[in-house]
Amino acid sequence: MSIPKILAVEDELYMFKLYQETLGKGRFEVIVRDNWAEADEILKKEDISLVLLDIGLPGMDGIQILKKIRSEKPELPIIMVTAYGTKDRILEATKHNISDFIVKPFKIPVLREKISRILKIQE
């Protein structure tokens, strides 16, 4: 069985390292990009199992990216990540069929459990 590939779209350097060092330890292959153009290229080339998508990205924000992903890959699991867990933003994301969301700061075991649960459902 192949290792699931996770695409994380995140602009904060500490989160880049966190995802790669804590999720990429044999359980998952983690690819991190900080903008939509690069993330879109990965989605076109790689067999991505799940996306971790930050809501608060500069330029094109996470909700706009979510809409673009949904237009091309409606069944791809997406976990929205936010430091600004306002009800309005999360409600907007849920309208576009997100799999789950998590608010920063979060505990890595909680994120791993969410990812594992979602990927198990996808099987």
PDB file of N, CA and C in Angstrom:
ATOM      1  N   MET A   1       0.843  -1.185   0.000  1.00  0.00           N
ATOM      2  CA  MET A   1       0.000   0.000   0.000  1.00  0.00           C
ATOM      3  C   MET A   1       0.888   1.248   0.000  1.00  0.00           C
ATOM      4  N   SER A   2       0.552   2.222  -0.817  1.00  0.00           N
ATOM      5  CA  SER A   2       1.362   3.434  -0.903  1.00  0.00           C
ATOM      6  C   SER A   2       1.045   4.387   0.254  1.00  0.00           C
ATOM      7  N   ILE A   3       2.013   5.211   0.539  1.00  0.00           N
ATOM      8  CA  ILE A   3       1.850   6.202   1.600  1.00  0.00           C
ATOM      9  C   ILE A   3       0.975   7.332   1.066  1.00  0.00           C
ATOM     10  N   PRO A   4      -0.072   7.725   1.806  1.00  0.00           N
ATOM     11  CA  PRO A   4      -0.927   8.831   1.352  1.00  0.00           C
ATOM     12  C   PRO A   4      -0.130  10.125   1.213  1.00  0.00           C
ATOM     13  N   LYS A   5      -0.425  10.868   0.144  1.00  0.00           N
ATOM     14  CA  LYS A   5       0.220  12.163  -0.082  1.00  0.00           C
ATOM     15  C   LYS A   5      -0.715  13.270   0.382  1.00  0.00           C
ATOM     16  N   ILE A   6      -0.158  14.138   1.216  1.00  0.00           N
ATOM     17  CA  ILE A   6      -0.902  15.280   1.729  1.00  0.00           C
ATOM     18  C   ILE A   6      -0.290  16.551   1.156  1.00  0.00           C
ATOM     19  N   LEU A   7      -1.139  17.393   0.592  1.00  0.00           N
ATOM     20  CA  LEU A   7      -0.711  18.705   0.132  1.00  0.00           C
ATOM     21  C   LEU A   7      -1.151  19.725   1.171  1.00  0.00           C
ATOM     22  N   ALA A   8      -0.178  20.435   1.737  1.00  0.00           N
ATOM     23  CA  ALA A   8      -0.485  21.502   2.693  1.00  0.00           C
ATOM     24  C   ALA A   8      -0.239  22.838   2.001  1.00  0.00           C
ATOM     25  N   VAL A   9      -1.261  23.679   1.991  1.00  0.00           N
ATOM     26  CA  VAL A   9      -1.134  25.018   1.414  1.00  0.00           C
ATOM     27  C   VAL A   9      -1.100  25.976   2.599  1.00  0.00           C
ATOM     28  N   GLU A  10       0.095  26.502   2.860  1.00  0.00           N
ATOM     29  CA  GLU A  10       0.353  27.236   4.098  1.00  0.00           C
ATOM     30  C   GLU A  10       1.456  28.257   3.844  1.00  0.00           C
ATOM     31  N   ASP A  11       1.291  29.473   4.356  1.00  0.00           N
ATOM     32  CA  ASP A  11       2.285  30.512   4.117  1.00  0.00           C
ATOM     33  C   ASP A  11       3.205  30.785   5.302  1.00  0.00           C
ATOM     34  N   GLU A  12       2.968  30.172   6.439  1.00  0.00           N
ATOM     35  CA  GLU A  12       3.803  30.425   7.611  1.00  0.00           C
ATOM     36  C   GLU A  12       4.908  29.384   7.701  1.00  0.00           C
ATOM     37  N   LEU A  13       6.164  29.864   7.773  1.00  0.00           N
ATOM     38  CA  LEU A  13       7.322  28.989   7.752  1.00  0.00           C
ATOM     39  C   LEU A  13       7.292  27.952   8.871  1.00  0.00           C
ATOM     40  N   TYR A  14       6.891  28.356  10.086  1.00  0.00           N
ATOM     41  CA  TYR A  14       6.872  27.382  11.180  1.00  0.00           C
ATOM     42  C   TYR A  14       5.879  26.258  10.913  1.00  0.00           C
ATOM     43  N   MET A  15       4.788  26.550  10.201  1.00  0.00           N
ATOM     44  CA  MET A  15       3.824  25.505   9.866  1.00  0.00           C
ATOM     45  C   MET A  15       4.386  24.591   8.781  1.00  0.00           C
ATOM     46  N   PHE A  16       5.145  25.139   7.831  1.00  0.00           N
ATOM     47  CA  PHE A  16       5.842  24.319   6.828  1.00  0.00           C
ATOM     48  C   PHE A  16       6.615  23.225   7.538  1.00  0.00           C
ATOM     49  N   LYS A  17       7.469  23.660   8.481  1.00  0.00           N
ATOM     50  CA  LYS A  17       8.335  22.730   9.201  1.00  0.00           C
ATOM     51  C   LYS A  17       7.530  21.766  10.054  1.00  0.00           C
ATOM     52  N   LEU A  18       6.513  22.269  10.714  1.00  0.00           N
ATOM     53  CA  LEU A  18       5.672  21.425  11.557  1.00  0.00           C
ATOM     54  C   LEU A  18       5.053  20.295  10.750  1.00  0.00           C
ATOM     55  N   TYR A  19       4.454  20.622   9.611  1.00  0.00           N
ATOM     56  CA  TYR A  19       3.836  19.590   8.768  1.00  0.00           C
ATOM     57  C   TYR A  19       4.866  18.574   8.292  1.00  0.00           C
ATOM     58  N   GLN A  20       5.979  19.044   7.801  1.00  0.00           N
ATOM     59  CA  GLN A  20       6.983  18.134   7.255  1.00  0.00           C
ATOM     60  C   GLN A  20       7.617  17.263   8.331  1.00  0.00           C
ATOM     61  N   GLU A  21       7.894  17.843   9.491  1.00  0.00           N
ATOM     62  CA  GLU A  21       8.582  17.099  10.544  1.00  0.00           C
ATOM     63  C   GLU A  21       7.661  16.185  11.343  1.00  0.00           C
ATOM     64  N   THR A  22       6.410  16.545  11.487  1.00  0.00           N
ATOM     65  CA  THR A  22       5.535  15.728  12.344  1.00  0.00           C
ATOM     66  C   THR A  22       4.608  14.809  11.558  1.00  0.00           C
ATOM     67  N   LEU A  23       4.181  15.230  10.382  1.00  0.00           N
ATOM     68  CA  LEU A  23       3.303  14.367   9.591  1.00  0.00           C
ATOM     69  C   LEU A  23       4.093  13.511   8.609  1.00  0.00           C
ATOM     70  N   GLY A  24       5.241  13.999   8.194  1.00  0.00           N
ATOM     71  CA  GLY A  24       6.019  13.308   7.185  1.00  0.00           C
ATOM     72  C   GLY A  24       6.987  12.279   7.724  1.00  0.00           C
ATOM     73  N   LYS A  25       6.698  11.676   8.813  1.00  0.00           N
ATOM     74  CA  LYS A  25       7.576  10.667   9.420  1.00  0.00           C
ATOM     75  C   LYS A  25       7.101   9.253   9.090  1.00  0.00           C
ATOM     76  N   GLY A  26       6.954   8.939   7.815  1.00  0.00           N
ATOM     77  CA  GLY A  26       6.582   7.586   7.417  1.00  0.00           C
ATOM     78  C   GLY A  26       5.101   7.331   7.266  1.00  0.00           C
ATOM     79  N   ARG A  27       4.278   8.070   7.973  1.00  0.00           N
ATOM     80  CA  ARG A  27       2.825   7.885   7.875  1.00  0.00           C
ATOM     81  C   ARG A  27       2.262   8.496   6.605  1.00  0.00           C
ATOM     82  N   PHE A  28       2.775   9.676   6.268  1.00  0.00           N
ATOM     83  CA  PHE A  28       2.277  10.431   5.130  1.00  0.00           C
ATOM     84  C   PHE A  28       3.453  11.064   4.396  1.00  0.00           C
ATOM     85  N   GLU A  29       3.288  11.245   3.096  1.00  0.00           N
ATOM     86  CA  GLU A  29       4.220  12.079   2.342  1.00  0.00           C
ATOM     87  C   GLU A  29       3.592  13.468   2.319  1.00  0.00           C
ATOM     88  N   VAL A  30       4.344  14.460   2.771  1.00  0.00           N
ATOM     89  CA  VAL A  30       3.803  15.811   2.891  1.00  0.00           C
ATOM     90  C   VAL A  30       4.493  16.731   1.891  1.00  0.00           C
ATOM     91  N   ILE A  31       3.689  17.408   1.092  1.00  0.00           N
ATOM     92  CA  ILE A  31       4.163  18.410   0.146  1.00  0.00           C
ATOM     93  C   ILE A  31       3.573  19.739   0.599  1.00  0.00           C
ATOM     94  N   VAL A  32       4.426  20.738   0.830  1.00  0.00           N
ATOM     95  CA  VAL A  32       3.950  22.029   1.322  1.00  0.00           C
ATOM     96  C   VAL A  32       4.228  23.103   0.271  1.00  0.00           C
ATOM     97  N   ARG A  33       3.215  23.895  -0.011  1.00  0.00           N
ATOM     98  CA  ARG A  33       3.343  25.033  -0.924  1.00  0.00           C
ATOM     99  C   ARG A  33       2.698  26.247  -0.271  1.00  0.00           C
ATOM    100  N   ASP A  34       3.178  27.444  -0.638  1.00  0.00           N
ATOM    101  CA  ASP A  34       2.671  28.646   0.017  1.00  0.00           C
ATOM    102  C   ASP A  34       1.771  29.498  -0.871  1.00  0.00           C
ATOM    103  N   ASN A  35       1.394  28.993  -2.050  1.00  0.00           N
ATOM    104  CA  ASN A  35       0.518  29.769  -2.922  1.00  0.00           C
ATOM    105  C   ASN A  35      -0.276  28.843  -3.834  1.00  0.00           C
ATOM    106  N   TRP A  36      -1.347  29.391  -4.394  1.00  0.00           N
ATOM    107  CA  TRP A  36      -2.250  28.597  -5.218  1.00  0.00           C
ATOM    108  C   TRP A  36      -1.594  28.092  -6.501  1.00  0.00           C
ATOM    109  N   ALA A  37      -0.804  28.918  -7.165  1.00  0.00           N
ATOM    110  CA  ALA A  37      -0.210  28.513  -8.443  1.00  0.00           C
ATOM    111  C   ALA A  37       0.624  27.239  -8.276  1.00  0.00           C
ATOM    112  N   GLU A  38       1.465  27.194  -7.265  1.00  0.00           N
ATOM    113  CA  GLU A  38       2.296  26.019  -7.027  1.00  0.00           C
ATOM    114  C   GLU A  38       1.459  24.836  -6.534  1.00  0.00           C
ATOM    115  N   ALA A  39       0.498  25.104  -5.681  1.00  0.00           N
ATOM    116  CA  ALA A  39      -0.375  24.034  -5.184  1.00  0.00           C
ATOM    117  C   ALA A  39      -1.175  23.420  -6.325  1.00  0.00           C
ATOM    118  N   ASP A  40      -1.657  24.249  -7.239  1.00  0.00           N
ATOM    119  CA  ASP A  40      -2.424  23.772  -8.385  1.00  0.00           C
ATOM    120  C   ASP A  40      -1.576  22.852  -9.256  1.00  0.00           C
ATOM    121  N   GLU A  41      -0.315  23.199  -9.459  1.00  0.00           N
ATOM    122  CA  GLU A  41       0.586  22.344 -10.241  1.00  0.00           C
ATOM    123  C   GLU A  41       0.744  20.976  -9.581  1.00  0.00           C
ATOM    124  N   ILE A  42       0.878  20.963  -8.269  1.00  0.00           N
ATOM    125  CA  ILE A  42       1.001  19.695  -7.534  1.00  0.00           C
ATOM    126  C   ILE A  42      -0.279  18.877  -7.695  1.00  0.00           C
ATOM    127  N   LEU A  43      -1.428  19.512  -7.570  1.00  0.00           N
ATOM    128  CA  LEU A  43      -2.701  18.802  -7.710  1.00  0.00           C
ATOM    129  C   LEU A  43      -2.858  18.188  -9.103  1.00  0.00           C
ATOM    130  N   LYS A  44      -2.293  18.827 -10.109  1.00  0.00           N
ATOM    131  CA  LYS A  44      -2.377  18.310 -11.479  1.00  0.00           C
ATOM    132  C   LYS A  44      -1.414  17.157 -11.717  1.00  0.00           C
ATOM    133  N   LYS A  45      -0.267  17.155 -11.035  1.00  0.00           N
ATOM    134  CA  LYS A  45       0.787  16.172 -11.295  1.00  0.00           C
ATOM    135  C   LYS A  45       0.772  14.978 -10.346  1.00  0.00           C
ATOM    136  N   GLU A  46       0.356  15.187  -9.123  1.00  0.00           N
ATOM    137  CA  GLU A  46       0.476  14.161  -8.077  1.00  0.00           C
ATOM    138  C   GLU A  46      -0.882  13.567  -7.720  1.00  0.00           C
ATOM    139  N   ASP A  47      -0.844  12.363  -7.186  1.00  0.00           N
ATOM    140  CA  ASP A  47      -2.052  11.706  -6.689  1.00  0.00           C
ATOM    141  C   ASP A  47      -2.200  12.080  -5.215  1.00  0.00           C
ATOM    142  N   ILE A  48      -2.840  13.207  -4.969  1.00  0.00           N
ATOM    143  CA  ILE A  48      -2.977  13.745  -3.610  1.00  0.00           C
ATOM    144  C   ILE A  48      -4.161  13.077  -2.915  1.00  0.00           C
ATOM    145  N   SER A  49      -3.929  12.641  -1.678  1.00  0.00           N
ATOM    146  CA  SER A  49      -4.967  11.969  -0.897  1.00  0.00           C
ATOM    147  C   SER A  49      -5.800  12.939  -0.068  1.00  0.00           C
ATOM    148  N   LEU A  50      -5.188  14.071   0.338  1.00  0.00           N
ATOM    149  CA  LEU A  50      -5.870  15.009   1.227  1.00  0.00           C
ATOM    150  C   LEU A  50      -5.150  16.352   1.159  1.00  0.00           C
ATOM    151  N   VAL A  51      -5.904  17.440   1.349  1.00  0.00           N
ATOM    152  CA  VAL A  51      -5.332  18.787   1.365  1.00  0.00           C
ATOM    153  C   VAL A  51      -5.564  19.414   2.733  1.00  0.00           C
ATOM    154  N   LEU A  52      -4.486  20.001   3.276  1.00  0.00           N
ATOM    155  CA  LEU A  52      -4.576  20.866   4.448  1.00  0.00           C
ATOM    156  C   LEU A  52      -4.504  22.281   3.907  1.00  0.00           C
ATOM    157  N   LEU A  53      -5.551  23.053   4.092  1.00  0.00           N
ATOM    158  CA  LEU A  53      -5.649  24.352   3.438  1.00  0.00           C
ATOM    159  C   LEU A  53      -5.867  25.457   4.461  1.00  0.00           C
ATOM    160  N   ASP A  54      -4.888  26.360   4.548  1.00  0.00           N
ATOM    161  CA  ASP A  54      -4.995  27.505   5.451  1.00  0.00           C
ATOM    162  C   ASP A  54      -6.022  28.488   4.897  1.00  0.00           C
ATOM    163  N   ILE A  55      -6.914  28.969   5.734  1.00  0.00           N
ATOM    164  CA  ILE A  55      -7.912  29.948   5.289  1.00  0.00           C
ATOM    165  C   ILE A  55      -7.251  31.300   5.031  1.00  0.00           C
ATOM    166  N   GLY A  56      -6.314  31.692   5.880  1.00  0.00           N
ATOM    167  CA  GLY A  56      -5.753  33.037   5.810  1.00  0.00           C
ATOM    168  C   GLY A  56      -4.488  33.141   4.993  1.00  0.00           C
ATOM    169  N   LEU A  57      -4.572  32.925   3.699  1.00  0.00           N
ATOM    170  CA  LEU A  57      -3.410  33.060   2.823  1.00  0.00           C
ATOM    171  C   LEU A  57      -3.401  34.442   2.177  1.00  0.00           C
ATOM    172  N   PRO A  58      -2.211  35.002   1.935  1.00  0.00           N
ATOM    173  CA  PRO A  58      -2.167  36.287   1.233  1.00  0.00           C
ATOM    174  C   PRO A  58      -2.535  36.095  -0.241  1.00  0.00           C
ATOM    175  N   GLY A  59      -2.991  37.151  -0.865  1.00  0.00           N
ATOM    176  CA  GLY A  59      -3.384  37.033  -2.273  1.00  0.00           C
ATOM    177  C   GLY A  59      -4.706  36.305  -2.373  1.00  0.00           C
ATOM    178  N   MET A  60      -4.689  35.121  -2.939  1.00  0.00           N
ATOM    179  CA  MET A  60      -5.898  34.302  -3.040  1.00  0.00           C
ATOM    180  C   MET A  60      -6.071  33.559  -1.719  1.00  0.00           C
ATOM    181  N   ASP A  61      -7.119  33.864  -0.985  1.00  0.00           N
ATOM    182  CA  ASP A  61      -7.290  33.232   0.329  1.00  0.00           C
ATOM    183  C   ASP A  61      -7.795  31.798   0.211  1.00  0.00           C
ATOM    184  N   GLY A  62      -7.800  31.123   1.345  1.00  0.00           N
ATOM    185  CA  GLY A  62      -8.155  29.712   1.382  1.00  0.00           C
ATOM    186  C   GLY A  62      -9.550  29.401   0.870  1.00  0.00           C
ATOM    187  N   ILE A  63     -10.509  30.276   1.093  1.00  0.00           N
ATOM    188  CA  ILE A  63     -11.878  30.029   0.612  1.00  0.00           C
ATOM    189  C   ILE A  63     -11.902  30.062  -0.914  1.00  0.00           C
ATOM    190  N   GLN A  64     -11.184  31.001  -1.512  1.00  0.00           N
ATOM    191  CA  GLN A  64     -11.112  31.057  -2.975  1.00  0.00           C
ATOM    192  C   GLN A  64     -10.433  29.808  -3.539  1.00  0.00           C
ATOM    193  N   ILE A  65      -9.359  29.377  -2.886  1.00  0.00           N
ATOM    194  CA  ILE A  65      -8.662  28.160  -3.320  1.00  0.00           C
ATOM    195  C   ILE A  65      -9.567  26.951  -3.152  1.00  0.00           C
ATOM    196  N   LEU A  66     -10.285  26.889  -2.045  1.00  0.00           N
ATOM    197  CA  LEU A  66     -11.236  25.803  -1.806  1.00  0.00           C
ATOM    198  C   LEU A  66     -12.232  25.697  -2.962  1.00  0.00           C
ATOM    199  N   LYS A  67     -12.769  26.812  -3.383  1.00  0.00           N
ATOM    200  CA  LYS A  67     -13.734  26.817  -4.492  1.00  0.00           C
ATOM    201  C   LYS A  67     -13.090  26.290  -5.777  1.00  0.00           C
ATOM    202  N   LYS A  68     -11.849  26.673  -6.035  1.00  0.00           N
ATOM    203  CA  LYS A  68     -11.153  26.200  -7.239  1.00  0.00           C
ATOM    204  C   LYS A  68     -10.913  24.690  -7.174  1.00  0.00           C
ATOM    205  N   ILE A  69     -10.475  24.211  -6.018  1.00  0.00           N
ATOM    206  CA  ILE A  69     -10.249  22.770  -5.870  1.00  0.00           C
ATOM    207  C   ILE A  69     -11.560  22.018  -6.067  1.00  0.00           C
ATOM    208  N   ARG A  70     -12.630  22.498  -5.462  1.00  0.00           N
ATOM    209  CA  ARG A  70     -13.932  21.830  -5.573  1.00  0.00           C
ATOM    210  C   ARG A  70     -14.424  21.787  -7.017  1.00  0.00           C
ATOM    211  N   SER A  71     -14.097  22.802  -7.811  1.00  0.00           N
ATOM    212  CA  SER A  71     -14.555  22.806  -9.202  1.00  0.00           C
ATOM    213  C   SER A  71     -13.840  21.738 -10.034  1.00  0.00           C
ATOM    214  N   GLU A  72     -12.634  21.347  -9.615  1.00  0.00           N
ATOM    215  CA  GLU A  72     -11.870  20.359 -10.374  1.00  0.00           C
ATOM    216  C   GLU A  72     -11.837  18.987  -9.703  1.00  0.00           C
ATOM    217  N   LYS A  73     -11.862  18.958  -8.391  1.00  0.00           N
ATOM    218  CA  LYS A  73     -11.764  17.705  -7.637  1.00  0.00           C
ATOM    219  C   LYS A  73     -12.786  17.716  -6.502  1.00  0.00           C
ATOM    220  N   PRO A  74     -14.052  17.534  -6.848  1.00  0.00           N
ATOM    221  CA  PRO A  74     -15.104  17.689  -5.842  1.00  0.00           C
ATOM    222  C   PRO A  74     -15.048  16.692  -4.685  1.00  0.00           C
ATOM    223  N   GLU A  75     -14.400  15.557  -4.871  1.00  0.00           N
ATOM    224  CA  GLU A  75     -14.370  14.543  -3.814  1.00  0.00           C
ATOM    225  C   GLU A  75     -13.081  14.536  -2.997  1.00  0.00           C
ATOM    226  N   LEU A  76     -12.119  15.377  -3.341  1.00  0.00           N
ATOM    227  CA  LEU A  76     -10.842  15.395  -2.632  1.00  0.00           C
ATOM    228  C   LEU A  76     -11.051  15.881  -1.197  1.00  0.00           C
ATOM    229  N   PRO A  77     -10.614  15.102  -0.202  1.00  0.00           N
ATOM    230  CA  PRO A  77     -10.771  15.543   1.195  1.00  0.00           C
ATOM    231  C   PRO A  77      -9.932  16.789   1.480  1.00  0.00           C
ATOM    232  N   ILE A  78     -10.557  17.744   2.166  1.00  0.00           N
ATOM    233  CA  ILE A  78      -9.885  18.989   2.514  1.00  0.00           C
ATOM    234  C   ILE A  78     -10.165  19.305   3.981  1.00  0.00           C
ATOM    235  N   ILE A  79      -9.081  19.563   4.715  1.00  0.00           N
ATOM    236  CA  ILE A  79      -9.192  20.057   6.088  1.00  0.00           C
ATOM    237  C   ILE A  79      -8.766  21.517   6.057  1.00  0.00           C
ATOM    238  N   MET A  80      -9.660  22.393   6.461  1.00  0.00           N
ATOM    239  CA  MET A  80      -9.337  23.812   6.542  1.00  0.00           C
ATOM    240  C   MET A  80      -8.620  24.071   7.864  1.00  0.00           C
ATOM    241  N   VAL A  81      -7.563  24.886   7.789  1.00  0.00           N
ATOM    242  CA  VAL A  81      -6.759  25.232   8.949  1.00  0.00           C
ATOM    243  C   VAL A  81      -6.837  26.745   9.121  1.00  0.00           C
ATOM    244  N   THR A  82      -7.110  27.182  10.348  1.00  0.00           N
ATOM    245  CA  THR A  82      -7.222  28.620  10.563  1.00  0.00           C
ATOM    246  C   THR A  82      -6.750  29.023  11.948  1.00  0.00           C
ATOM    247  N   ALA A  83      -6.137  30.194  12.010  1.00  0.00           N
ATOM    248  CA  ALA A  83      -5.823  30.800  13.300  1.00  0.00           C
ATOM    249  C   ALA A  83      -6.954  31.729  13.697  1.00  0.00           C
ATOM    250  N   TYR A  84      -7.815  32.003  12.730  1.00  0.00           N
ATOM    251  CA  TYR A  84      -8.923  32.924  12.944  1.00  0.00           C
ATOM    252  C   TYR A  84     -10.222  32.166  12.738  1.00  0.00           C
ATOM    253  N   GLY A  85     -10.570  31.340  13.705  1.00  0.00           N
ATOM    254  CA  GLY A  85     -11.713  30.459  13.575  1.00  0.00           C
ATOM    255  C   GLY A  85     -13.052  31.136  13.747  1.00  0.00           C
ATOM    256  N   THR A  86     -13.266  32.200  13.009  1.00  0.00           N
ATOM    257  CA  THR A  86     -14.546  32.883  13.118  1.00  0.00           C
ATOM    258  C   THR A  86     -15.645  32.012  12.542  1.00  0.00           C
ATOM    259  N   LYS A  87     -16.803  32.119  13.115  1.00  0.00           N
ATOM    260  CA  LYS A  87     -17.936  31.306  12.661  1.00  0.00           C
ATOM    261  C   LYS A  87     -18.259  31.563  11.196  1.00  0.00           C
ATOM    262  N   ASP A  88     -18.184  32.812  10.766  1.00  0.00           N
ATOM    263  CA  ASP A  88     -18.512  33.146   9.378  1.00  0.00           C
ATOM    264  C   ASP A  88     -17.576  32.453   8.393  1.00  0.00           C
ATOM    265  N   ARG A  89     -16.264  32.464   8.672  1.00  0.00           N
ATOM    266  CA  ARG A  89     -15.286  31.845   7.768  1.00  0.00           C
ATOM    267  C   ARG A  89     -15.478  30.332   7.722  1.00  0.00           C
ATOM    268  N   ILE A  90     -15.686  29.731   8.887  1.00  0.00           N
ATOM    269  CA  ILE A  90     -15.867  28.284   8.927  1.00  0.00           C
ATOM    270  C   ILE A  90     -17.182  27.903   8.258  1.00  0.00           C
ATOM    271  N   LEU A  91     -18.226  28.674   8.486  1.00  0.00           N
ATOM    272  CA  LEU A  91     -19.508  28.421   7.836  1.00  0.00           C
ATOM    273  C   LEU A  91     -19.371  28.517   6.316  1.00  0.00           C
ATOM    274  N   GLU A  92     -18.661  29.523   5.838  1.00  0.00           N
ATOM    275  CA  GLU A  92     -18.424  29.668   4.399  1.00  0.00           C
ATOM    276  C   GLU A  92     -17.695  28.440   3.852  1.00  0.00           C
ATOM    277  N   ALA A  93     -16.692  27.959   4.564  1.00  0.00           N
ATOM    278  CA  ALA A  93     -15.940  26.775   4.120  1.00  0.00           C
ATOM    279  C   ALA A  93     -16.825  25.533   4.098  1.00  0.00           C
ATOM    280  N   THR A  94     -17.696  25.378   5.077  1.00  0.00           N
ATOM    281  CA  THR A  94     -18.553  24.191   5.109  1.00  0.00           C
ATOM    282  C   THR A  94     -19.532  24.168   3.947  1.00  0.00           C
ATOM    283  N   LYS A  95     -19.845  25.314   3.377  1.00  0.00           N
ATOM    284  CA  LYS A  95     -20.726  25.354   2.206  1.00  0.00           C
ATOM    285  C   LYS A  95     -20.073  24.703   0.987  1.00  0.00           C
ATOM    286  N   HIS A  96     -18.762  24.515   1.056  1.00  0.00           N
ATOM    287  CA  HIS A  96     -18.020  23.957  -0.069  1.00  0.00           C
ATOM    288  C   HIS A  96     -17.480  22.567   0.253  1.00  0.00           C
ATOM    289  N   ASN A  97     -18.196  21.863   1.112  1.00  0.00           N
ATOM    290  CA  ASN A  97     -17.945  20.442   1.351  1.00  0.00           C
ATOM    291  C   ASN A  97     -16.552  20.130   1.895  1.00  0.00           C
ATOM    292  N   ILE A  98     -16.115  20.862   2.923  1.00  0.00           N
ATOM    293  CA  ILE A  98     -14.848  20.502   3.549  1.00  0.00           C
ATOM    294  C   ILE A  98     -15.055  19.225   4.363  1.00  0.00           C
ATOM    295  N   SER A  99     -13.968  18.504   4.554  1.00  0.00           N
ATOM    296  CA  SER A  99     -14.035  17.272   5.337  1.00  0.00           C
ATOM    297  C   SER A  99     -14.002  17.559   6.828  1.00  0.00           C
ATOM    298  N   ASP A 100     -13.265  18.605   7.204  1.00  0.00           N
ATOM    299  CA  ASP A 100     -13.142  18.973   8.611  1.00  0.00           C
ATOM    300  C   ASP A 100     -12.402  20.302   8.674  1.00  0.00           C
ATOM    301  N   PHE A 101     -12.225  20.828   9.887  1.00  0.00           N
ATOM    302  CA  PHE A 101     -11.402  22.013  10.086  1.00  0.00           C
ATOM    303  C   PHE A 101     -10.694  21.877  11.409  1.00  0.00           C
ATOM    304  N   ILE A 102      -9.616  22.645  11.555  1.00  0.00           N
ATOM    305  CA  ILE A 102      -8.865  22.653  12.802  1.00  0.00           C
ATOM    306  C   ILE A 102      -8.364  24.076  13.025  1.00  0.00           C
ATOM    307  N   VAL A 103      -8.372  24.521  14.281  1.00  0.00           N
ATOM    308  CA  VAL A 103      -7.990  25.880  14.636  1.00  0.00           C
ATOM    309  C   VAL A 103      -6.590  25.869  15.249  1.00  0.00           C
ATOM    310  N   LYS A 104      -5.725  26.762  14.737  1.00  0.00           N
ATOM    311  CA  LYS A 104      -4.379  26.931  15.295  1.00  0.00           C
ATOM    312  C   LYS A 104      -4.481  27.673  16.619  1.00  0.00           C
ATOM    313  N   PRO A 105      -3.671  27.382  17.580  1.00  0.00           N
ATOM    314  CA  PRO A 105      -2.732  26.275  17.625  1.00  0.00           C
ATOM    315  C   PRO A 105      -3.476  24.972  17.909  1.00  0.00           C
ATOM    316  N   PHE A 106      -2.993  23.897  17.338  1.00  0.00           N
ATOM    317  CA  PHE A 106      -3.614  22.600  17.542  1.00  0.00           C
ATOM    318  C   PHE A 106      -2.571  21.585  17.972  1.00  0.00           C
ATOM    319  N   LYS A 107      -3.036  20.485  18.482  1.00  0.00           N
ATOM    320  CA  LYS A 107      -2.148  19.403  18.891  1.00  0.00           C
ATOM    321  C   LYS A 107      -1.990  18.445  17.711  1.00  0.00           C
ATOM    322  N   ILE A 108      -0.753  18.072  17.423  1.00  0.00           N
ATOM    323  CA  ILE A 108      -0.463  17.198  16.282  1.00  0.00           C
ATOM    324  C   ILE A 108      -1.248  15.890  16.350  1.00  0.00           C
ATOM    325  N   PRO A 109      -1.368  15.236  17.522  1.00  0.00           N
ATOM    326  CA  PRO A 109      -2.158  13.995  17.548  1.00  0.00           C
ATOM    327  C   PRO A 109      -3.613  14.204  17.112  1.00  0.00           C
ATOM    328  N   VAL A 110      -4.171  15.376  17.398  1.00  0.00           N
ATOM    329  CA  VAL A 110      -5.538  15.668  16.975  1.00  0.00           C
ATOM    330  C   VAL A 110      -5.596  15.772  15.453  1.00  0.00           C
ATOM    331  N   LEU A 111      -4.636  16.456  14.861  1.00  0.00           N
ATOM    332  CA  LEU A 111      -4.590  16.569  13.406  1.00  0.00           C
ATOM    333  C   LEU A 111      -4.385  15.201  12.764  1.00  0.00           C
ATOM    334  N   ARG A 112      -3.460  14.406  13.300  1.00  0.00           N
ATOM    335  CA  ARG A 112      -3.230  13.051  12.759  1.00  0.00           C
ATOM    336  C   ARG A 112      -4.504  12.213  12.805  1.00  0.00           C
ATOM    337  N   GLU A 113      -5.243  12.315  13.915  1.00  0.00           N
ATOM    338  CA  GLU A 113      -6.489  11.543  14.045  1.00  0.00           C
ATOM    339  C   GLU A 113      -7.496  11.980  12.999  1.00  0.00           C
ATOM    340  N   LYS A 114      -7.627  13.274  12.781  1.00  0.00           N
ATOM    341  CA  LYS A 114      -8.559  13.781  11.770  1.00  0.00           C
ATOM    342  C   LYS A 114      -8.171  13.265  10.387  1.00  0.00           C
ATOM    343  N   ILE A 115      -6.889  13.348  10.058  1.00  0.00           N
ATOM    344  CA  ILE A 115      -6.414  12.881   8.755  1.00  0.00           C
ATOM    345  C   ILE A 115      -6.678  11.390   8.595  1.00  0.00           C
ATOM    346  N   SER A 116      -6.306  10.616   9.590  1.00  0.00           N
ATOM    347  CA  SER A 116      -6.500   9.145   9.509  1.00  0.00           C
ATOM    348  C   SER A 116      -7.969   8.788   9.365  1.00  0.00           C
ATOM    349  N   ARG A 117      -8.828   9.453  10.120  1.00  0.00           N
ATOM    350  CA  ARG A 117     -10.267   9.187  10.046  1.00  0.00           C
ATOM    351  C   ARG A 117     -10.802   9.486   8.644  1.00  0.00           C
ATOM    352  N   ILE A 118     -10.424  10.622   8.100  1.00  0.00           N
ATOM    353  CA  ILE A 118     -10.904  11.023   6.780  1.00  0.00           C
ATOM    354  C   ILE A 118     -10.404  10.069   5.703  1.00  0.00           C
ATOM    355  N   LEU A 119      -9.114   9.690   5.773  1.00  0.00           N
ATOM    356  CA  LEU A 119      -8.572   8.787   4.768  1.00  0.00           C
ATOM    357  C   LEU A 119      -9.187   7.398   4.866  1.00  0.00           C
ATOM    358  N   LYS A 120      -9.513   6.963   6.070  1.00  0.00           N
ATOM    359  CA  LYS A 120     -10.172   5.663   6.243  1.00  0.00           C
ATOM    360  C   LYS A 120     -11.552   5.680   5.602  1.00  0.00           C
ATOM    361  N   ILE A 121     -12.280   6.772   5.758  1.00  0.00           N
ATOM    362  CA  ILE A 121     -13.602   6.918   5.138  1.00  0.00           C
ATOM    363  C   ILE A 121     -13.466   6.884   3.622  1.00  0.00           C
ATOM    364  N   GLN A 122     -12.402   7.504   3.078  1.00  0.00           N
ATOM    365  CA  GLN A 122     -12.204   7.563   1.625  1.00  0.00           C
ATOM    366  C   GLN A 122     -11.940   6.178   1.028  1.00  0.00           C
ATOM    367  N   GLU A 123     -11.346   5.278   1.822  1.00  0.00           N
ATOM    368  CA  GLU A 123     -11.033   3.934   1.303  1.00  0.00           C
ATOM    369  C   GLU A 123     -12.288   3.226   0.994  1.00  0.00           C
TER     370      GLU A 123
END
